[in-house]
Amino acid sequence: MKPPKYRCIIVDDEPLARECLENYVREIDFLETVGTASNPLELTAKLNQQAADLLFLDIQMPKMNGLDFIRQGQQIPPVILATAFPGYALEGFSLDVVDYLLKPITFNRFFQSVQKFLRRQQPANHRQPALSEDSFYVKCEQRYERVKYNEILFVQAMHNYVSIHTTGGKYLTLLFLKNVEEQLQERRFARVHKSYLVALDKIDSIEAHEIVIGPHRIPLSRHYREGVLQQVVTGKLWKK
């Protein structure tokens, strides 16, 4: 028997923003879009006609602010805020929203957010580990590709793109290396060059100006060399 789908309504005054979230919802097998609206007044009418389990709600919209809509105190489904303005995050979480997404929203960040919603829906003694704990998704042209953290060898910056090299191949996606580094910094990855980020546990050897990972030779800049040696070699070097 197929698991039930959670019904979503997307509220944003920008058509492209609504379309982006609709496309993301289509990729999640336990979600479906049952309506869209351009402002909270339209949303109220939708909720009177259509039951929903989750709202994706913009903040700055004509006729009514998204946070003001939540403050009204009427019974509404759980809310994930999706906005271009970071300054409302604290206020949003004080209203018990599920999550706060900053535009432009990547599919990986969207996926993490709906997993957070899913965990809220499950009784504490039946909760399953988040599906995103060991992996994430990147958009490669028209496909969403799953990448496992423990298969990443290194990441290379290429102008506005990054190339993620893994044991199973490489993925070219529209991201900045700085954003990738922020996501990976707690998983034993380190910057070794202005254009490269490597998995420390995959390093085979460190030479004067290069790091070797399998057949790959990755430049190691003088600025990062000492930090890399401390993280990889210190405490593990056998001496005479």
C-alpha atoms as a PDB file:
ATOM      1  CA  MET A   1       0.000   0.000   0.000  1.00  0.00           C
ATOM      2  CA  LYS A   2       1.354   3.415  -0.972  1.00  0.00           C
ATOM      3  CA  PRO A   3       2.001   5.889   1.891  1.00  0.00           C
ATOM      4  CA  PRO A   4      -0.386   8.871   2.004  1.00  0.00           C
ATOM      5  CA  LYS A   5       0.594  12.104   0.306  1.00  0.00           C
ATOM      6  CA  TYR A   6       0.694  15.370   2.241  1.00  0.00           C
ATOM      7  CA  ARG A   7      -1.308  18.103   0.517  1.00  0.00           C
ATOM      8  CA  CYS A   8       0.546  21.391  -0.019  1.00  0.00           C
ATOM      9  CA  ILE A   9      -0.575  24.918  -0.892  1.00  0.00           C
ATOM     10  CA  ILE A  10       2.058  27.347  -2.183  1.00  0.00           C
ATOM     11  CA  VAL A  11       1.559  31.046  -1.478  1.00  0.00           C
ATOM     12  CA  ASP A  12       3.806  33.586  -3.239  1.00  0.00           C
ATOM     13  CA  ASP A  13       3.123  36.688  -5.307  1.00  0.00           C
ATOM     14  CA  GLU A  14       5.921  35.773  -7.759  1.00  0.00           C
ATOM     15  CA  PRO A  15       4.824  33.243 -10.426  1.00  0.00           C
ATOM     16  CA  LEU A  16       8.378  31.945 -10.931  1.00  0.00           C
ATOM     17  CA  ALA A  17       8.766  31.315  -7.198  1.00  0.00           C
ATOM     18  CA  ARG A  18       5.495  29.350  -7.148  1.00  0.00           C
ATOM     19  CA  GLU A  19       6.594  27.357 -10.188  1.00  0.00           C
ATOM     20  CA  CYS A  20       9.961  26.525  -8.581  1.00  0.00           C
ATOM     21  CA  LEU A  21       8.303  25.152  -5.437  1.00  0.00           C
ATOM     22  CA  GLU A  22       5.711  23.251  -7.477  1.00  0.00           C
ATOM     23  CA  ASN A  23       8.529  21.568  -9.416  1.00  0.00           C
ATOM     24  CA  TYR A  24      10.281  20.646  -6.179  1.00  0.00           C
ATOM     25  CA  VAL A  25       7.076  19.218  -4.684  1.00  0.00           C
ATOM     26  CA  ARG A  26       6.693  16.978  -7.755  1.00  0.00           C
ATOM     27  CA  GLU A  27      10.053  15.397  -6.964  1.00  0.00           C
ATOM     28  CA  ILE A  28       8.963  14.308  -3.447  1.00  0.00           C
ATOM     29  CA  ASP A  29       6.855  11.166  -3.460  1.00  0.00           C
ATOM     30  CA  PHE A  30       5.029  11.975  -0.220  1.00  0.00           C
ATOM     31  CA  LEU A  31       3.962  15.517  -1.263  1.00  0.00           C
ATOM     32  CA  GLU A  32       1.440  16.886  -3.739  1.00  0.00           C
ATOM     33  CA  THR A  33       0.375  20.433  -4.602  1.00  0.00           C
ATOM     34  CA  VAL A  34      -3.363  20.958  -4.221  1.00  0.00           C
ATOM     35  CA  GLY A  35      -3.400  24.710  -4.775  1.00  0.00           C
ATOM     36  CA  THR A  36      -1.459  27.941  -5.197  1.00  0.00           C
ATOM     37  CA  ALA A  37      -2.212  31.529  -4.203  1.00  0.00           C
ATOM     38  CA  SER A  38      -0.590  34.919  -4.735  1.00  0.00           C
ATOM     39  CA  ASN A  39      -1.463  36.355  -1.309  1.00  0.00           C
ATOM     40  CA  PRO A  40      -2.937  35.311   2.071  1.00  0.00           C
ATOM     41  CA  LEU A  41      -6.450  36.471   1.154  1.00  0.00           C
ATOM     42  CA  GLU A  42      -6.506  34.041  -1.746  1.00  0.00           C
ATOM     43  CA  LEU A  43      -5.087  31.415   0.596  1.00  0.00           C
ATOM     44  CA  THR A  44      -7.964  31.852   3.037  1.00  0.00           C
ATOM     45  CA  ALA A  45     -10.425  31.171   0.237  1.00  0.00           C
ATOM     46  CA  LYS A  46      -8.424  28.106  -0.826  1.00  0.00           C
ATOM     47  CA  LEU A  47      -8.391  26.695   2.711  1.00  0.00           C
ATOM     48  CA  ASN A  48     -12.164  27.068   2.894  1.00  0.00           C
ATOM     49  CA  GLN A  49     -12.448  24.904  -0.213  1.00  0.00           C
ATOM     50  CA  GLN A  50      -9.491  22.529   0.069  1.00  0.00           C
ATOM     51  CA  ALA A  51      -7.923  20.805   3.078  1.00  0.00           C
ATOM     52  CA  ALA A  52      -4.133  21.109   3.268  1.00  0.00           C
ATOM     53  CA  ASP A  53      -1.384  19.569   5.397  1.00  0.00           C
ATOM     54  CA  LEU A  54       1.432  22.015   4.677  1.00  0.00           C
ATOM     55  CA  LEU A  55       1.789  25.641   3.555  1.00  0.00           C
ATOM     56  CA  PHE A  56       4.760  27.146   1.745  1.00  0.00           C
ATOM     57  CA  LEU A  57       4.314  30.822   2.592  1.00  0.00           C
ATOM     58  CA  ASP A  58       6.135  33.916   1.357  1.00  0.00           C
ATOM     59  CA  ILE A  59       6.408  36.892   3.742  1.00  0.00           C
ATOM     60  CA  GLN A  60       6.453  40.089   1.685  1.00  0.00           C
ATOM     61  CA  MET A  61       3.233  39.986  -0.364  1.00  0.00           C
ATOM     62  CA  PRO A  62       0.576  42.488  -1.396  1.00  0.00           C
ATOM     63  CA  LYS A  63      -2.575  42.885   0.715  1.00  0.00           C
ATOM     64  CA  MET A  64      -1.170  41.002   3.726  1.00  0.00           C
ATOM     65  CA  ASN A  65       2.224  40.061   5.149  1.00  0.00           C
ATOM     66  CA  GLY A  66       2.738  36.308   5.589  1.00  0.00           C
ATOM     67  CA  LEU A  67       3.707  36.660   9.247  1.00  0.00           C
ATOM     68  CA  ASP A  68       0.610  38.787   9.916  1.00  0.00           C
ATOM     69  CA  PHE A  69      -1.462  35.990   8.413  1.00  0.00           C
ATOM     70  CA  ILE A  70       0.049  33.466  10.841  1.00  0.00           C
ATOM     71  CA  ARG A  71      -0.490  35.868  13.783  1.00  0.00           C
ATOM     72  CA  GLN A  72      -4.227  35.976  13.165  1.00  0.00           C
ATOM     73  CA  GLY A  73      -4.467  32.831  15.243  1.00  0.00           C
ATOM     74  CA  GLN A  74      -6.827  30.915  12.975  1.00  0.00           C
ATOM     75  CA  GLN A  75      -6.335  27.186  12.567  1.00  0.00           C
ATOM     76  CA  ILE A  76      -3.872  26.715   9.712  1.00  0.00           C
ATOM     77  CA  PRO A  77      -1.625  23.808   8.627  1.00  0.00           C
ATOM     78  CA  PRO A  78       2.096  23.768   9.496  1.00  0.00           C
ATOM     79  CA  VAL A  79       4.037  26.481   7.661  1.00  0.00           C
ATOM     80  CA  ILE A  80       7.388  26.535   5.892  1.00  0.00           C
ATOM     81  CA  LEU A  81       8.343  30.142   5.184  1.00  0.00           C
ATOM     82  CA  ALA A  82       9.996  30.804   1.812  1.00  0.00           C
ATOM     83  CA  THR A  83      11.328  34.330   1.462  1.00  0.00           C
ATOM     84  CA  ALA A  84      14.141  36.483   0.106  1.00  0.00           C
ATOM     85  CA  PHE A  85      14.444  38.368   3.425  1.00  0.00           C
ATOM     86  CA  PRO A  86      16.643  36.825   6.171  1.00  0.00           C
ATOM     87  CA  GLY A  87      15.680  39.415   8.775  1.00  0.00           C
ATOM     88  CA  TYR A  88      12.388  37.720   9.699  1.00  0.00           C
ATOM     89  CA  ALA A  89      13.875  34.348  10.716  1.00  0.00           C
ATOM     90  CA  LEU A  90      13.759  34.867  14.487  1.00  0.00           C
ATOM     91  CA  GLU A  91      10.199  36.172  14.335  1.00  0.00           C
ATOM     92  CA  GLY A  92       9.175  33.307  12.067  1.00  0.00           C
ATOM     93  CA  PHE A  93      10.488  30.622  14.395  1.00  0.00           C
ATOM     94  CA  SER A  94       8.809  32.347  17.354  1.00  0.00           C
ATOM     95  CA  LEU A  95       5.535  31.629  15.529  1.00  0.00           C
ATOM     96  CA  ASP A  96       6.442  27.920  15.462  1.00  0.00           C
ATOM     97  CA  VAL A  97       6.977  27.587  11.722  1.00  0.00           C
ATOM     98  CA  VAL A  98       8.501  24.306  10.557  1.00  0.00           C
ATOM     99  CA  ASP A  99      11.405  25.947   8.734  1.00  0.00           C
ATOM    100  CA  TYR A 100      12.654  29.151   7.109  1.00  0.00           C
ATOM    101  CA  LEU A 101      13.854  28.896   3.496  1.00  0.00           C
ATOM    102  CA  LEU A 102      15.864  31.705   1.945  1.00  0.00           C
ATOM    103  CA  LYS A 103      15.525  32.332  -1.791  1.00  0.00           C
ATOM    104  CA  PRO A 104      17.001  31.243  -4.100  1.00  0.00           C
ATOM    105  CA  ILE A 105      16.044  27.845  -2.679  1.00  0.00           C
ATOM    106  CA  THR A 106      18.101  24.820  -3.710  1.00  0.00           C
ATOM    107  CA  PHE A 107      16.435  21.427  -3.989  1.00  0.00           C
ATOM    108  CA  ASN A 108      18.727  20.047  -1.298  1.00  0.00           C
ATOM    109  CA  ARG A 109      17.642  22.735   1.186  1.00  0.00           C
ATOM    110  CA  PHE A 110      13.998  22.197   0.219  1.00  0.00           C
ATOM    111  CA  PHE A 111      14.382  18.455   0.764  1.00  0.00           C
ATOM    112  CA  GLN A 112      15.864  19.003   4.235  1.00  0.00           C
ATOM    113  CA  SER A 113      12.941  21.245   5.100  1.00  0.00           C
ATOM    114  CA  VAL A 114      10.219  18.792   4.106  1.00  0.00           C
ATOM    115  CA  GLN A 115      12.047  16.035   5.979  1.00  0.00           C
ATOM    116  CA  LYS A 116      11.816  18.265   9.054  1.00  0.00           C
ATOM    117  CA  PHE A 117       8.076  18.586   8.418  1.00  0.00           C
ATOM    118  CA  LEU A 118       7.779  14.811   8.006  1.00  0.00           C
ATOM    119  CA  ARG A 119       9.476  14.174  11.350  1.00  0.00           C
ATOM    120  CA  ARG A 120       6.995  16.526  13.015  1.00  0.00           C
ATOM    121  CA  GLN A 121       4.119  14.513  11.613  1.00  0.00           C
ATOM    122  CA  GLN A 122       5.337  11.197  12.987  1.00  0.00           C
ATOM    123  CA  PRO A 123       4.819  10.163  16.634  1.00  0.00           C
ATOM    124  CA  ALA A 124       8.086  10.287  18.566  1.00  0.00           C
ATOM    125  CA  ASN A 125       8.255   6.484  18.958  1.00  0.00           C
ATOM    126  CA  HIS A 126       7.732   5.909  15.219  1.00  0.00           C
ATOM    127  CA  ARG A 127      10.122   8.481  13.794  1.00  0.00           C
ATOM    128  CA  GLN A 128      12.501   7.362  11.107  1.00  0.00           C
ATOM    129  CA  PRO A 129      15.935   8.854  10.532  1.00  0.00           C
ATOM    130  CA  ALA A 130      15.955  11.688   8.001  1.00  0.00           C
ATOM    131  CA  LEU A 131      16.480  10.470   4.450  1.00  0.00           C
ATOM    132  CA  SER A 132      18.999  13.260   3.887  1.00  0.00           C
ATOM    133  CA  GLU A 133      21.390  12.251   6.700  1.00  0.00           C
ATOM    134  CA  ASP A 134      23.788  10.378   4.403  1.00  0.00           C
ATOM    135  CA  SER A 135      23.126  12.193   1.137  1.00  0.00           C
ATOM    136  CA  PHE A 136      21.858  15.297  -0.634  1.00  0.00           C
ATOM    137  CA  TYR A 137      20.551  16.266  -4.066  1.00  0.00           C
ATOM    138  CA  VAL A 138      21.976  18.562  -6.731  1.00  0.00           C
ATOM    139  CA  LYS A 139      20.377  19.759  -9.945  1.00  0.00           C
ATOM    140  CA  CYS A 140      22.302  18.703 -13.053  1.00  0.00           C
ATOM    141  CA  GLU A 141      20.624  20.251 -16.096  1.00  0.00           C
ATOM    142  CA  GLN A 142      17.040  18.894 -15.895  1.00  0.00           C
ATOM    143  CA  ARG A 143      17.771  16.073 -13.415  1.00  0.00           C
ATOM    144  CA  TYR A 144      18.032  15.952  -9.638  1.00  0.00           C
ATOM    145  CA  GLU A 145      20.941  13.688  -8.730  1.00  0.00           C
ATOM    146  CA  ARG A 146      21.458  12.080  -5.325  1.00  0.00           C
ATOM    147  CA  VAL A 147      25.021  12.348  -3.985  1.00  0.00           C
ATOM    148  CA  LYS A 148      26.239  10.390  -0.956  1.00  0.00           C
ATOM    149  CA  TYR A 149      28.538  12.296   1.383  1.00  0.00           C
ATOM    150  CA  ASN A 150      30.872   9.337   1.909  1.00  0.00           C
ATOM    151  CA  GLU A 151      31.444   8.950  -1.850  1.00  0.00           C
ATOM    152  CA  ILE A 152      32.686  12.515  -2.443  1.00  0.00           C
ATOM    153  CA  LEU A 153      36.409  12.765  -3.282  1.00  0.00           C
ATOM    154  CA  PHE A 154      36.711  16.495  -3.954  1.00  0.00           C
ATOM    155  CA  VAL A 155      34.801  19.508  -5.260  1.00  0.00           C
ATOM    156  CA  GLN A 156      36.186  21.869  -7.891  1.00  0.00           C
ATOM    157  CA  ALA A 157      34.949  25.425  -8.542  1.00  0.00           C
ATOM    158  CA  MET A 158      34.320  26.308 -12.180  1.00  0.00           C
ATOM    159  CA  HIS A 159      33.115  29.928 -12.430  1.00  0.00           C
ATOM    160  CA  ASN A 160      29.452  29.830 -11.295  1.00  0.00           C
ATOM    161  CA  TYR A 161      29.433  26.017 -11.227  1.00  0.00           C
ATOM    162  CA  VAL A 162      31.051  23.328  -9.140  1.00  0.00           C
ATOM    163  CA  SER A 163      32.081  19.866 -10.230  1.00  0.00           C
ATOM    164  CA  ILE A 164      31.524  17.281  -7.476  1.00  0.00           C
ATOM    165  CA  HIS A 165      33.854  14.322  -8.034  1.00  0.00           C
ATOM    166  CA  THR A 166      32.751  11.067  -6.398  1.00  0.00           C
ATOM    167  CA  THR A 167      33.708   7.405  -6.486  1.00  0.00           C
ATOM    168  CA  GLY A 168      30.841   6.880  -8.927  1.00  0.00           C
ATOM    169  CA  GLY A 169      31.391   9.828 -11.268  1.00  0.00           C
ATOM    170  CA  LYS A 170      31.143  13.598 -11.261  1.00  0.00           C
ATOM    171  CA  TYR A 171      28.239  16.041 -11.076  1.00  0.00           C
ATOM    172  CA  LEU A 172      28.268  19.544 -12.560  1.00  0.00           C
ATOM    173  CA  THR A 173      25.822  21.857 -10.807  1.00  0.00           C
ATOM    174  CA  LEU A 174      25.076  25.577 -10.521  1.00  0.00           C
ATOM    175  CA  LEU A 175      26.487  26.336  -7.050  1.00  0.00           C
ATOM    176  CA  PHE A 176      29.271  28.417  -5.510  1.00  0.00           C
ATOM    177  CA  LEU A 177      32.143  26.618  -3.777  1.00  0.00           C
ATOM    178  CA  LYS A 178      31.617  28.753  -0.662  1.00  0.00           C
ATOM    179  CA  ASN A 179      28.055  27.429  -0.278  1.00  0.00           C
ATOM    180  CA  VAL A 180      29.218  23.835  -0.741  1.00  0.00           C
ATOM    181  CA  GLU A 181      31.959  24.373   1.844  1.00  0.00           C
ATOM    182  CA  GLU A 182      29.396  25.608   4.387  1.00  0.00           C
ATOM    183  CA  GLN A 183      27.354  22.424   3.898  1.00  0.00           C
ATOM    184  CA  LEU A 184      30.368  20.102   4.160  1.00  0.00           C
ATOM    185  CA  GLN A 185      32.534  21.759   6.811  1.00  0.00           C
ATOM    186  CA  GLU A 186      31.256  19.507   9.618  1.00  0.00           C
ATOM    187  CA  ARG A 187      31.884  16.318   7.609  1.00  0.00           C
ATOM    188  CA  ARG A 188      35.714  16.226   7.423  1.00  0.00           C
ATOM    189  CA  PHE A 189      36.080  18.326   4.286  1.00  0.00           C
ATOM    190  CA  ALA A 190      38.584  21.151   3.949  1.00  0.00           C
ATOM    191  CA  ARG A 191      39.534  23.879   1.485  1.00  0.00           C
ATOM    192  CA  VAL A 192      42.975  23.182   0.018  1.00  0.00           C
ATOM    193  CA  HIS A 193      43.001  25.788  -2.741  1.00  0.00           C
ATOM    194  CA  LYS A 194      40.814  28.718  -3.747  1.00  0.00           C
ATOM    195  CA  SER A 195      39.125  26.400  -6.259  1.00  0.00           C
ATOM    196  CA  TYR A 196      39.178  23.043  -4.452  1.00  0.00           C
ATOM    197  CA  LEU A 197      37.557  21.373  -1.462  1.00  0.00           C
ATOM    198  CA  VAL A 198      38.613  17.809  -0.562  1.00  0.00           C
ATOM    199  CA  ALA A 199      37.407  14.939   1.611  1.00  0.00           C
ATOM    200  CA  LEU A 200      40.195  14.608   4.180  1.00  0.00           C
ATOM    201  CA  ASP A 201      39.560  10.888   4.690  1.00  0.00           C
ATOM    202  CA  LYS A 202      40.070  10.218   0.963  1.00  0.00           C
ATOM    203  CA  ILE A 203      43.580  11.723   0.769  1.00  0.00           C
ATOM    204  CA  ASP A 204      46.224   9.176  -0.276  1.00  0.00           C
ATOM    205  CA  SER A 205      49.264  11.446  -0.042  1.00  0.00           C
ATOM    206  CA  ILE A 206      50.292  15.069   0.401  1.00  0.00           C
ATOM    207  CA  GLU A 207      53.167  16.392  -1.674  1.00  0.00           C
ATOM    208  CA  ALA A 208      54.804  19.807  -1.741  1.00  0.00           C
ATOM    209  CA  HIS A 209      52.113  21.513  -3.757  1.00  0.00           C
ATOM    210  CA  GLU A 210      49.617  18.750  -4.504  1.00  0.00           C
ATOM    211  CA  ILE A 211      47.189  16.360  -2.848  1.00  0.00           C
ATOM    212  CA  VAL A 212      46.745  12.919  -4.349  1.00  0.00           C
ATOM    213  CA  ILE A 213      43.381  11.151  -4.220  1.00  0.00           C
ATOM    214  CA  GLY A 214      43.476   8.026  -6.355  1.00  0.00           C
ATOM    215  CA  PRO A 215      44.346   9.098  -9.912  1.00  0.00           C
ATOM    216  CA  HIS A 216      43.547  12.742  -9.152  1.00  0.00           C
ATOM    217  CA  ARG A 217      46.212  15.349  -8.422  1.00  0.00           C
ATOM    218  CA  ILE A 218      44.719  18.409  -6.716  1.00  0.00           C
ATOM    219  CA  PRO A 219      46.650  21.667  -6.223  1.00  0.00           C
ATOM    220  CA  LEU A 220      47.503  22.533  -2.612  1.00  0.00           C
ATOM    221  CA  SER A 221      48.118  26.216  -2.017  1.00  0.00           C
ATOM    222  CA  ARG A 222      50.696  27.434   0.492  1.00  0.00           C
ATOM    223  CA  HIS A 223      47.958  29.306   2.376  1.00  0.00           C
ATOM    224  CA  TYR A 224      46.088  26.051   3.223  1.00  0.00           C
ATOM    225  CA  ARG A 225      49.000  23.576   3.446  1.00  0.00           C
ATOM    226  CA  GLU A 226      49.728  23.864   7.199  1.00  0.00           C
ATOM    227  CA  GLY A 227      46.055  23.555   8.149  1.00  0.00           C
ATOM    228  CA  VAL A 228      45.641  20.451   5.979  1.00  0.00           C
ATOM    229  CA  LEU A 229      48.734  18.811   7.489  1.00  0.00           C
ATOM    230  CA  GLN A 230      47.426  19.465  10.999  1.00  0.00           C
ATOM    231  CA  GLN A 231      44.048  17.899  10.232  1.00  0.00           C
ATOM    232  CA  VAL A 232      45.368  14.904   8.284  1.00  0.00           C
ATOM    233  CA  VAL A 233      48.849  14.065   9.573  1.00  0.00           C
ATOM    234  CA  THR A 234      49.167  15.412  13.139  1.00  0.00           C
ATOM    235  CA  GLY A 235      48.862  12.589  15.668  1.00  0.00           C
ATOM    236  CA  LYS A 236      49.044   9.920  12.956  1.00  0.00           C
ATOM    237  CA  LEU A 237      52.627  10.283  11.751  1.00  0.00           C
ATOM    238  CA  TRP A 238      54.937   7.378  12.585  1.00  0.00           C
ATOM    239  CA  LYS A 239      58.420   8.600  13.472  1.00  0.00           C
ATOM    240  CA  LYS A 240      61.792   7.000  14.042  1.00  0.00           C
END
